PDB file of N, CA and C in Angstrom:
ATOM      1  N   UNK A   1     -43.032   0.483  -1.131  1.00  0.00           N
ATOM      2  CA  UNK A   1     -42.891   1.757  -0.467  1.00  0.00           C
ATOM      3  C   UNK A   1     -42.885   2.881  -1.497  1.00  0.00           C
ATOM      4  N   UNK A   2     -43.318   4.014  -1.057  1.00  0.00           N
ATOM      5  CA  UNK A   2     -43.332   5.161  -1.940  1.00  0.00           C
ATOM      6  C   UNK A   2     -41.921   5.719  -2.112  1.00  0.00           C
ATOM      7  N   UNK A   3     -41.736   6.462  -3.175  1.00  0.00           N
ATOM      8  CA  UNK A   3     -40.461   7.101  -3.430  1.00  0.00           C
ATOM      9  C   UNK A   3     -40.103   8.019  -2.265  1.00  0.00           C
ATOM     10  N   UNK A   4     -38.831   8.080  -1.949  1.00  0.00           N
ATOM     11  CA  UNK A   4     -38.305   8.928  -0.878  1.00  0.00           C
ATOM     12  C   UNK A   4     -38.713   8.472   0.521  1.00  0.00           C
ATOM     13  N   UNK A   5     -39.086   7.227   0.677  1.00  0.00           N
ATOM     14  CA  UNK A   5     -39.409   6.722   2.008  1.00  0.00           C
ATOM     15  C   UNK A   5     -38.301   5.781   2.469  1.00  0.00           C
ATOM     16  N   UNK A   6     -38.320   5.458   3.739  1.00  0.00           N
ATOM     17  CA  UNK A   6     -37.303   4.578   4.289  1.00  0.00           C
ATOM     18  C   UNK A   6     -37.595   3.125   3.948  1.00  0.00           C
ATOM     19  N   UNK A   7     -36.546   2.388   3.614  1.00  0.00           N
ATOM     20  CA  UNK A   7     -36.683   0.956   3.411  1.00  0.00           C
ATOM     21  C   UNK A   7     -36.499   0.262   4.751  1.00  0.00           C
ATOM     22  N   UNK A   8     -36.753  -1.027   4.795  1.00  0.00           N
ATOM     23  CA  UNK A   8     -36.556  -1.776   6.033  1.00  0.00           C
ATOM     24  C   UNK A   8     -35.094  -1.741   6.461  1.00  0.00           C
ATOM     25  N   UNK A   9     -34.173  -1.701   5.513  1.00  0.00           N
ATOM     26  CA  UNK A   9     -32.750  -1.631   5.862  1.00  0.00           C
ATOM     27  C   UNK A   9     -32.414  -0.277   6.481  1.00  0.00           C
ATOM     28  N   UNK A  10     -32.957   0.803   5.946  1.00  0.00           N
ATOM     29  CA  UNK A  10     -32.728   2.124   6.550  1.00  0.00           C
ATOM     30  C   UNK A  10     -33.261   2.150   7.987  1.00  0.00           C
ATOM     31  N   UNK A  11     -34.471   1.634   8.171  1.00  0.00           N
ATOM     32  CA  UNK A  11     -35.052   1.571   9.506  1.00  0.00           C
ATOM     33  C   UNK A  11     -34.161   0.763  10.437  1.00  0.00           C
ATOM     34  N   UNK A  12     -33.651  -0.351   9.937  1.00  0.00           N
ATOM     35  CA  UNK A  12     -32.784  -1.217  10.732  1.00  0.00           C
ATOM     36  C   UNK A  12     -31.537  -0.488  11.193  1.00  0.00           C
ATOM     37  N   UNK A  13     -30.889   0.235  10.307  1.00  0.00           N
ATOM     38  CA  UNK A  13     -29.673   0.957  10.666  1.00  0.00           C
ATOM     39  C   UNK A  13     -29.946   2.021  11.727  1.00  0.00           C
ATOM     40  N   UNK A  14     -31.045   2.742  11.572  1.00  0.00           N
ATOM     41  CA  UNK A  14     -31.410   3.760  12.565  1.00  0.00           C
ATOM     42  C   UNK A  14     -31.728   3.108  13.901  1.00  0.00           C
ATOM     43  N   UNK A  15     -32.541   2.070  13.868  1.00  0.00           N
ATOM     44  CA  UNK A  15     -32.954   1.400  15.097  1.00  0.00           C
ATOM     45  C   UNK A  15     -31.781   0.701  15.779  1.00  0.00           C
ATOM     46  N   UNK A  16     -30.901   0.090  15.000  1.00  0.00           N
ATOM     47  CA  UNK A  16     -29.746  -0.574  15.606  1.00  0.00           C
ATOM     48  C   UNK A  16     -28.821   0.439  16.274  1.00  0.00           C
ATOM     49  N   UNK A  17     -28.609   1.568  15.618  1.00  0.00           N
ATOM     50  CA  UNK A  17     -27.800   2.616  16.232  1.00  0.00           C
ATOM     51  C   UNK A  17     -28.419   3.014  17.570  1.00  0.00           C
ATOM     52  N   UNK A  18     -29.723   3.237  17.596  1.00  0.00           N
ATOM     53  CA  UNK A  18     -30.410   3.637  18.819  1.00  0.00           C
ATOM     54  C   UNK A  18     -30.263   2.571  19.904  1.00  0.00           C
ATOM     55  N   UNK A  19     -30.531   1.319  19.576  1.00  0.00           N
ATOM     56  CA  UNK A  19     -30.418   0.218  20.546  1.00  0.00           C
ATOM     57  C   UNK A  19     -28.990   0.129  21.088  1.00  0.00           C
ATOM     58  N   UNK A  20     -28.018   0.229  20.197  1.00  0.00           N
ATOM     59  CA  UNK A  20     -26.608   0.116  20.590  1.00  0.00           C
ATOM     60  C   UNK A  20     -26.209   1.229  21.552  1.00  0.00           C
ATOM     61  N   UNK A  21     -26.593   2.443  21.243  1.00  0.00           N
ATOM     62  CA  UNK A  21     -26.239   3.592  22.085  1.00  0.00           C
ATOM     63  C   UNK A  21     -26.980   3.534  23.418  1.00  0.00           C
ATOM     64  N   UNK A  22     -28.267   3.277  23.374  1.00  0.00           N
ATOM     65  CA  UNK A  22     -29.090   3.270  24.588  1.00  0.00           C
ATOM     66  C   UNK A  22     -28.693   2.184  25.581  1.00  0.00           C
ATOM     67  N   UNK A  23     -28.224   1.034  25.080  1.00  0.00           N
ATOM     68  CA  UNK A  23     -27.933  -0.087  25.978  1.00  0.00           C
ATOM     69  C   UNK A  23     -26.442  -0.341  26.144  1.00  0.00           C
ATOM     70  N   UNK A  24     -25.616   0.501  25.554  1.00  0.00           N
ATOM     71  CA  UNK A  24     -24.175   0.281  25.650  1.00  0.00           C
ATOM     72  C   UNK A  24     -23.747  -1.043  25.034  1.00  0.00           C
ATOM     73  N   UNK A  25     -24.382  -1.390  23.928  1.00  0.00           N
ATOM     74  CA  UNK A  25     -24.101  -2.641  23.192  1.00  0.00           C
ATOM     75  C   UNK A  25     -24.495  -3.893  23.962  1.00  0.00           C
ATOM     76  N   UNK A  26     -25.395  -3.770  24.914  1.00  0.00           N
ATOM     77  CA  UNK A  26     -25.807  -4.922  25.716  1.00  0.00           C
ATOM     78  C   UNK A  26     -27.034  -5.634  25.183  1.00  0.00           C
ATOM     79  N   UNK A  27     -27.870  -4.946  24.415  1.00  0.00           N
ATOM     80  CA  UNK A  27     -29.106  -5.560  23.924  1.00  0.00           C
ATOM     81  C   UNK A  27     -28.890  -6.141  22.529  1.00  0.00           C
ATOM     82  N   UNK A  28     -29.626  -7.188  22.235  1.00  0.00           N
ATOM     83  CA  UNK A  28     -29.584  -7.791  20.904  1.00  0.00           C
ATOM     84  C   UNK A  28     -30.139  -6.810  19.884  1.00  0.00           C
ATOM     85  N   UNK A  29     -29.548  -6.807  18.704  1.00  0.00           N
ATOM     86  CA  UNK A  29     -30.069  -5.969  17.628  1.00  0.00           C
ATOM     87  C   UNK A  29     -29.965  -6.744  16.312  1.00  0.00           C
ATOM     88  N   UNK A  30     -29.744  -6.059  15.219  1.00  0.00           N
ATOM     89  CA  UNK A  30     -29.845  -6.670  13.901  1.00  0.00           C
ATOM     90  C   UNK A  30     -28.546  -7.239  13.341  1.00  0.00           C
ATOM     91  N   UNK A  31     -27.408  -6.800  13.848  1.00  0.00           N
ATOM     92  CA  UNK A  31     -26.128  -7.330  13.390  1.00  0.00           C
ATOM     93  C   UNK A  31     -25.516  -6.609  12.211  1.00  0.00           C
ATOM     94  N   UNK A  32     -25.999  -5.432  11.882  1.00  0.00           N
ATOM     95  CA  UNK A  32     -25.404  -4.680  10.781  1.00  0.00           C
ATOM     96  C   UNK A  32     -24.277  -3.772  11.244  1.00  0.00           C
ATOM     97  N   UNK A  33     -24.495  -3.031  12.312  1.00  0.00           N
ATOM     98  CA  UNK A  33     -23.487  -2.082  12.784  1.00  0.00           C
ATOM     99  C   UNK A  33     -22.523  -2.705  13.780  1.00  0.00           C
ATOM    100  N   UNK A  34     -23.004  -3.647  14.546  1.00  0.00           N
ATOM    101  CA  UNK A  34     -22.218  -4.274  15.607  1.00  0.00           C
ATOM    102  C   UNK A  34     -22.342  -5.785  15.453  1.00  0.00           C
ATOM    103  N   UNK A  35     -21.224  -6.505  15.556  1.00  0.00           N
ATOM    104  CA  UNK A  35     -21.298  -7.955  15.483  1.00  0.00           C
ATOM    105  C   UNK A  35     -22.189  -8.492  16.591  1.00  0.00           C
ATOM    106  N   UNK A  36     -22.844  -9.605  16.318  1.00  0.00           N
ATOM    107  CA  UNK A  36     -23.785 -10.195  17.269  1.00  0.00           C
ATOM    108  C   UNK A  36     -23.106 -11.156  18.215  1.00  0.00           C
ATOM    109  N   UNK A  37     -23.596 -11.189  19.430  1.00  0.00           N
ATOM    110  CA  UNK A  37     -23.178 -12.241  20.361  1.00  0.00           C
ATOM    111  C   UNK A  37     -23.978 -13.494  20.010  1.00  0.00           C
ATOM    112  N   UNK A  38     -23.350 -14.637  20.128  1.00  0.00           N
ATOM    113  CA  UNK A  38     -24.003 -15.902  19.819  1.00  0.00           C
ATOM    114  C   UNK A  38     -25.322 -16.031  20.573  1.00  0.00           C
ATOM    115  N   UNK A  39     -25.340 -15.611  21.813  1.00  0.00           N
ATOM    116  CA  UNK A  39     -26.545 -15.725  22.643  1.00  0.00           C
ATOM    117  C   UNK A  39     -27.685 -14.837  22.144  1.00  0.00           C
ATOM    118  N   UNK A  40     -27.395 -13.851  21.309  1.00  0.00           N
ATOM    119  CA  UNK A  40     -28.416 -12.933  20.810  1.00  0.00           C
ATOM    120  C   UNK A  40     -28.932 -13.287  19.416  1.00  0.00           C
ATOM    121  N   UNK A  41     -28.452 -14.377  18.842  1.00  0.00           N
ATOM    122  CA  UNK A  41     -28.819 -14.728  17.476  1.00  0.00           C
ATOM    123  C   UNK A  41     -30.326 -14.923  17.300  1.00  0.00           C
ATOM    124  N   UNK A  42     -30.965 -15.638  18.198  1.00  0.00           N
ATOM    125  CA  UNK A  42     -32.403 -15.880  18.086  1.00  0.00           C
ATOM    126  C   UNK A  42     -33.182 -14.571  18.138  1.00  0.00           C
ATOM    127  N   UNK A  43     -32.851 -13.704  19.071  1.00  0.00           N
ATOM    128  CA  UNK A  43     -33.525 -12.412  19.194  1.00  0.00           C
ATOM    129  C   UNK A  43     -33.290 -11.568  17.947  1.00  0.00           C
ATOM    130  N   UNK A  44     -32.079 -11.570  17.432  1.00  0.00           N
ATOM    131  CA  UNK A  44     -31.769 -10.812  16.231  1.00  0.00           C
ATOM    132  C   UNK A  44     -32.609 -11.297  15.051  1.00  0.00           C
ATOM    133  N   UNK A  45     -32.717 -12.597  14.881  1.00  0.00           N
ATOM    134  CA  UNK A  45     -33.517 -13.142  13.789  1.00  0.00           C
ATOM    135  C   UNK A  45     -34.996 -12.809  13.962  1.00  0.00           C
ATOM    136  N   UNK A  46     -35.470 -12.747  15.199  1.00  0.00           N
ATOM    137  CA  UNK A  46     -36.863 -12.346  15.450  1.00  0.00           C
ATOM    138  C   UNK A  46     -37.080 -10.886  15.058  1.00  0.00           C
ATOM    139  N   UNK A  47     -36.150 -10.020  15.432  1.00  0.00           N
ATOM    140  CA  UNK A  47     -36.245  -8.612  15.052  1.00  0.00           C
ATOM    141  C   UNK A  47     -36.234  -8.468  13.532  1.00  0.00           C
ATOM    142  N   UNK A  48     -35.358  -9.221  12.890  1.00  0.00           N
ATOM    143  CA  UNK A  48     -35.251  -9.173  11.429  1.00  0.00           C
ATOM    144  C   UNK A  48     -36.546  -9.635  10.774  1.00  0.00           C
ATOM    145  N   UNK A  49     -37.136 -10.703  11.291  1.00  0.00           N
ATOM    146  CA  UNK A  49     -38.367 -11.247  10.711  1.00  0.00           C
ATOM    147  C   UNK A  49     -39.519 -10.247  10.806  1.00  0.00           C
ATOM    148  N   UNK A  50     -39.563  -9.491  11.877  1.00  0.00           N
ATOM    149  CA  UNK A  50     -40.655  -8.529  12.069  1.00  0.00           C
ATOM    150  C   UNK A  50     -40.697  -7.462  10.984  1.00  0.00           C
ATOM    151  N   UNK A  51     -39.547  -7.162  10.386  1.00  0.00           N
ATOM    152  CA  UNK A  51     -39.534  -6.126   9.347  1.00  0.00           C
ATOM    153  C   UNK A  51     -39.134  -6.674   7.977  1.00  0.00           C
ATOM    154  N   UNK A  52     -39.149  -7.983   7.852  1.00  0.00           N
ATOM    155  CA  UNK A  52     -38.948  -8.595   6.543  1.00  0.00           C
ATOM    156  C   UNK A  52     -37.515  -8.726   6.077  1.00  0.00           C
ATOM    157  N   UNK A  53     -36.572  -8.766   6.998  1.00  0.00           N
ATOM    158  CA  UNK A  53     -35.173  -8.964   6.617  1.00  0.00           C
ATOM    159  C   UNK A  53     -34.797 -10.437   6.691  1.00  0.00           C
ATOM    160  N   UNK A  54     -33.832 -10.830   5.898  1.00  0.00           N
ATOM    161  CA  UNK A  54     -33.367 -12.225   5.899  1.00  0.00           C
ATOM    162  C   UNK A  54     -32.666 -12.543   7.220  1.00  0.00           C
ATOM    163  N   UNK A  55     -32.651 -13.831   7.581  1.00  0.00           N
ATOM    164  CA  UNK A  55     -31.974 -14.257   8.797  1.00  0.00           C
ATOM    165  C   UNK A  55     -30.470 -14.105   8.633  1.00  0.00           C
ATOM    166  N   UNK A  56     -29.768 -14.144   9.736  1.00  0.00           N
ATOM    167  CA  UNK A  56     -28.308 -14.071   9.707  1.00  0.00           C
ATOM    168  C   UNK A  56     -27.753 -15.258   8.919  1.00  0.00           C
ATOM    169  N   UNK A  57     -28.304 -16.444   9.127  1.00  0.00           N
ATOM    170  CA  UNK A  57     -27.829 -17.639   8.415  1.00  0.00           C
ATOM    171  C   UNK A  57     -28.007 -17.474   6.904  1.00  0.00           C
ATOM    172  N   UNK A  58     -29.151 -16.955   6.490  1.00  0.00           N
ATOM    173  CA  UNK A  58     -29.390 -16.741   5.056  1.00  0.00           C
ATOM    174  C   UNK A  58     -28.433 -15.703   4.499  1.00  0.00           C
ATOM    175  N   UNK A  59     -28.233 -14.601   5.233  1.00  0.00           N
ATOM    176  CA  UNK A  59     -27.295 -13.558   4.786  1.00  0.00           C
ATOM    177  C   UNK A  59     -25.902 -14.146   4.592  1.00  0.00           C
ATOM    178  N   UNK A  60     -25.428 -14.859   5.598  1.00  0.00           N
ATOM    179  CA  UNK A  60     -24.083 -15.420   5.517  1.00  0.00           C
ATOM    180  C   UNK A  60     -23.973 -16.472   4.410  1.00  0.00           C
ATOM    181  N   UNK A  61     -25.048 -17.237   4.184  1.00  0.00           N
ATOM    182  CA  UNK A  61     -25.059 -18.211   3.095  1.00  0.00           C
ATOM    183  C   UNK A  61     -24.978 -17.534   1.733  1.00  0.00           C
ATOM    184  N   UNK A  62     -25.666 -16.403   1.583  1.00  0.00           N
ATOM    185  CA  UNK A  62     -25.594 -15.656   0.330  1.00  0.00           C
ATOM    186  C   UNK A  62     -24.195 -15.091   0.100  1.00  0.00           C
ATOM    187  N   UNK A  63     -23.537 -14.673   1.169  1.00  0.00           N
ATOM    188  CA  UNK A  63     -22.148 -14.202   1.046  1.00  0.00           C
ATOM    189  C   UNK A  63     -21.266 -15.346   0.554  1.00  0.00           C
ATOM    190  N   UNK A  64     -21.455 -16.550   1.095  1.00  0.00           N
ATOM    191  CA  UNK A  64     -20.689 -17.717   0.634  1.00  0.00           C
ATOM    192  C   UNK A  64     -20.921 -17.972  -0.851  1.00  0.00           C
ATOM    193  N   UNK A  65     -22.174 -17.902  -1.287  1.00  0.00           N
ATOM    194  CA  UNK A  65     -22.483 -18.124  -2.702  1.00  0.00           C
ATOM    195  C   UNK A  65     -21.805 -17.069  -3.568  1.00  0.00           C
ATOM    196  N   UNK A  66     -21.841 -15.807  -3.131  1.00  0.00           N
ATOM    197  CA  UNK A  66     -21.160 -14.743  -3.870  1.00  0.00           C
ATOM    198  C   UNK A  66     -19.679 -15.064  -4.042  1.00  0.00           C
ATOM    199  N   UNK A  67     -19.046 -15.471  -2.939  1.00  0.00           N
ATOM    200  CA  UNK A  67     -17.608 -15.741  -2.969  1.00  0.00           C
ATOM    201  C   UNK A  67     -17.272 -16.947  -3.845  1.00  0.00           C
ATOM    202  N   UNK A  68     -18.132 -17.955  -3.832  1.00  0.00           N
ATOM    203  CA  UNK A  68     -17.855 -19.186  -4.579  1.00  0.00           C
ATOM    204  C   UNK A  68     -18.211 -19.108  -6.053  1.00  0.00           C
ATOM    205  N   UNK A  69     -19.151 -18.251  -6.420  1.00  0.00           N
ATOM    206  CA  UNK A  69     -19.628 -18.225  -7.798  1.00  0.00           C
ATOM    207  C   UNK A  69     -19.337 -16.929  -8.540  1.00  0.00           C
ATOM    208  N   UNK A  70     -19.083 -15.866  -7.811  1.00  0.00           N
ATOM    209  CA  UNK A  70     -18.886 -14.570  -8.450  1.00  0.00           C
ATOM    210  C   UNK A  70     -20.184 -13.819  -8.693  1.00  0.00           C
ATOM    211  N   UNK A  71     -21.321 -14.442  -8.380  1.00  0.00           N
ATOM    212  CA  UNK A  71     -22.612 -13.758  -8.500  1.00  0.00           C
ATOM    213  C   UNK A  71     -22.660 -12.664  -7.438  1.00  0.00           C
ATOM    214  N   UNK A  72     -23.173 -11.505  -7.800  1.00  0.00           N
ATOM    215  CA  UNK A  72     -23.286 -10.416  -6.830  1.00  0.00           C
ATOM    216  C   UNK A  72     -24.758 -10.193  -6.512  1.00  0.00           C
ATOM    217  N   UNK A  73     -25.111 -10.287  -5.236  1.00  0.00           N
ATOM    218  CA  UNK A  73     -26.496 -10.146  -4.804  1.00  0.00           C
ATOM    219  C   UNK A  73     -26.855  -8.747  -4.300  1.00  0.00           C
ATOM    220  N   UNK A  74     -25.875  -7.863  -4.170  1.00  0.00           N
ATOM    221  CA  UNK A  74     -26.126  -6.499  -3.683  1.00  0.00           C
ATOM    222  C   UNK A  74     -26.824  -6.524  -2.319  1.00  0.00           C
ATOM    223  N   UNK A  75     -26.161  -7.098  -1.353  1.00  0.00           N
ATOM    224  CA  UNK A  75     -26.709  -7.287  -0.008  1.00  0.00           C
ATOM    225  C   UNK A  75     -26.417  -6.084   0.884  1.00  0.00           C
ATOM    226  N   UNK A  76     -26.810  -4.938   0.440  1.00  0.00           N
ATOM    227  CA  UNK A  76     -26.555  -3.713   1.184  1.00  0.00           C
ATOM    228  C   UNK A  76     -27.177  -3.790   2.560  1.00  0.00           C
ATOM    229  N   UNK A  77     -26.562  -3.306   3.614  1.00  0.00           N
ATOM    230  CA  UNK A  77     -25.335  -2.533   3.676  1.00  0.00           C
ATOM    231  C   UNK A  77     -24.079  -3.368   3.891  1.00  0.00           C
ATOM    232  N   UNK A  78     -24.223  -4.672   4.071  1.00  0.00           N
ATOM    233  CA  UNK A  78     -23.042  -5.526   4.275  1.00  0.00           C
ATOM    234  C   UNK A  78     -22.922  -6.484   3.107  1.00  0.00           C
ATOM    235  N   UNK A  79     -22.737  -5.934   1.910  1.00  0.00           N
ATOM    236  CA  UNK A  79     -22.816  -6.774   0.735  1.00  0.00           C
ATOM    237  C   UNK A  79     -21.637  -7.705   0.533  1.00  0.00           C
ATOM    238  N   UNK A  80     -20.541  -7.485   1.215  1.00  0.00           N
ATOM    239  CA  UNK A  80     -19.409  -8.378   1.013  1.00  0.00           C
ATOM    240  C   UNK A  80     -18.856  -8.937   2.321  1.00  0.00           C
ATOM    241  N   UNK A  81     -19.588  -8.768   3.406  1.00  0.00           N
ATOM    242  CA  UNK A  81     -19.070  -9.305   4.667  1.00  0.00           C
ATOM    243  C   UNK A  81     -20.163 -10.044   5.424  1.00  0.00           C
ATOM    244  N   UNK A  82     -19.742 -11.115   6.048  1.00  0.00           N
ATOM    245  CA  UNK A  82     -20.656 -11.901   6.864  1.00  0.00           C
ATOM    246  C   UNK A  82     -20.965 -11.167   8.161  1.00  0.00           C
ATOM    247  N   UNK A  83     -22.081 -11.533   8.747  1.00  0.00           N
ATOM    248  CA  UNK A  83     -22.427 -11.031  10.076  1.00  0.00           C
ATOM    249  C   UNK A  83     -21.777 -11.994  11.061  1.00  0.00           C
ATOM    250  N   UNK A  84     -20.778 -11.504  11.748  1.00  0.00           N
ATOM    251  CA  UNK A  84     -19.987 -12.346  12.647  1.00  0.00           C
ATOM    252  C   UNK A  84     -20.695 -12.532  13.975  1.00  0.00           C
ATOM    253  N   UNK A  85     -20.522 -13.716  14.535  1.00  0.00           N
ATOM    254  CA  UNK A  85     -21.024 -14.010  15.880  1.00  0.00           C
ATOM    255  C   UNK A  85     -19.841 -14.072  16.822  1.00  0.00           C
ATOM    256  N   UNK A  86     -19.952 -13.379  17.931  1.00  0.00           N
ATOM    257  CA  UNK A  86     -18.897 -13.367  18.935  1.00  0.00           C
ATOM    258  C   UNK A  86     -19.465 -13.919  20.243  1.00  0.00           C
ATOM    259  N   UNK A  87     -18.611 -14.468  21.070  1.00  0.00           N
ATOM    260  CA  UNK A  87     -19.065 -15.012  22.358  1.00  0.00           C
ATOM    261  C   UNK A  87     -19.110 -13.969  23.437  1.00  0.00           C
TER     262      UNK A  87
END
């Protein structure tokens, strides 16, 4: 991407905010701003894949590696917290 342009993470945050507000937290989104419902995990991973983001499982696995080894992966915007699944 060119300098001063949006990254996929910036797009995700904007789009997730929009989805969350428009649907009253009823539609599946990316899991950055709002925890995901277990039933929405597949849809969330599909949305993530379309713009080149890692899956929720991969993100959470990297968080585990960070905690166990001390390696820092800079997983912005949730660099130190897992994406929680709620029922």
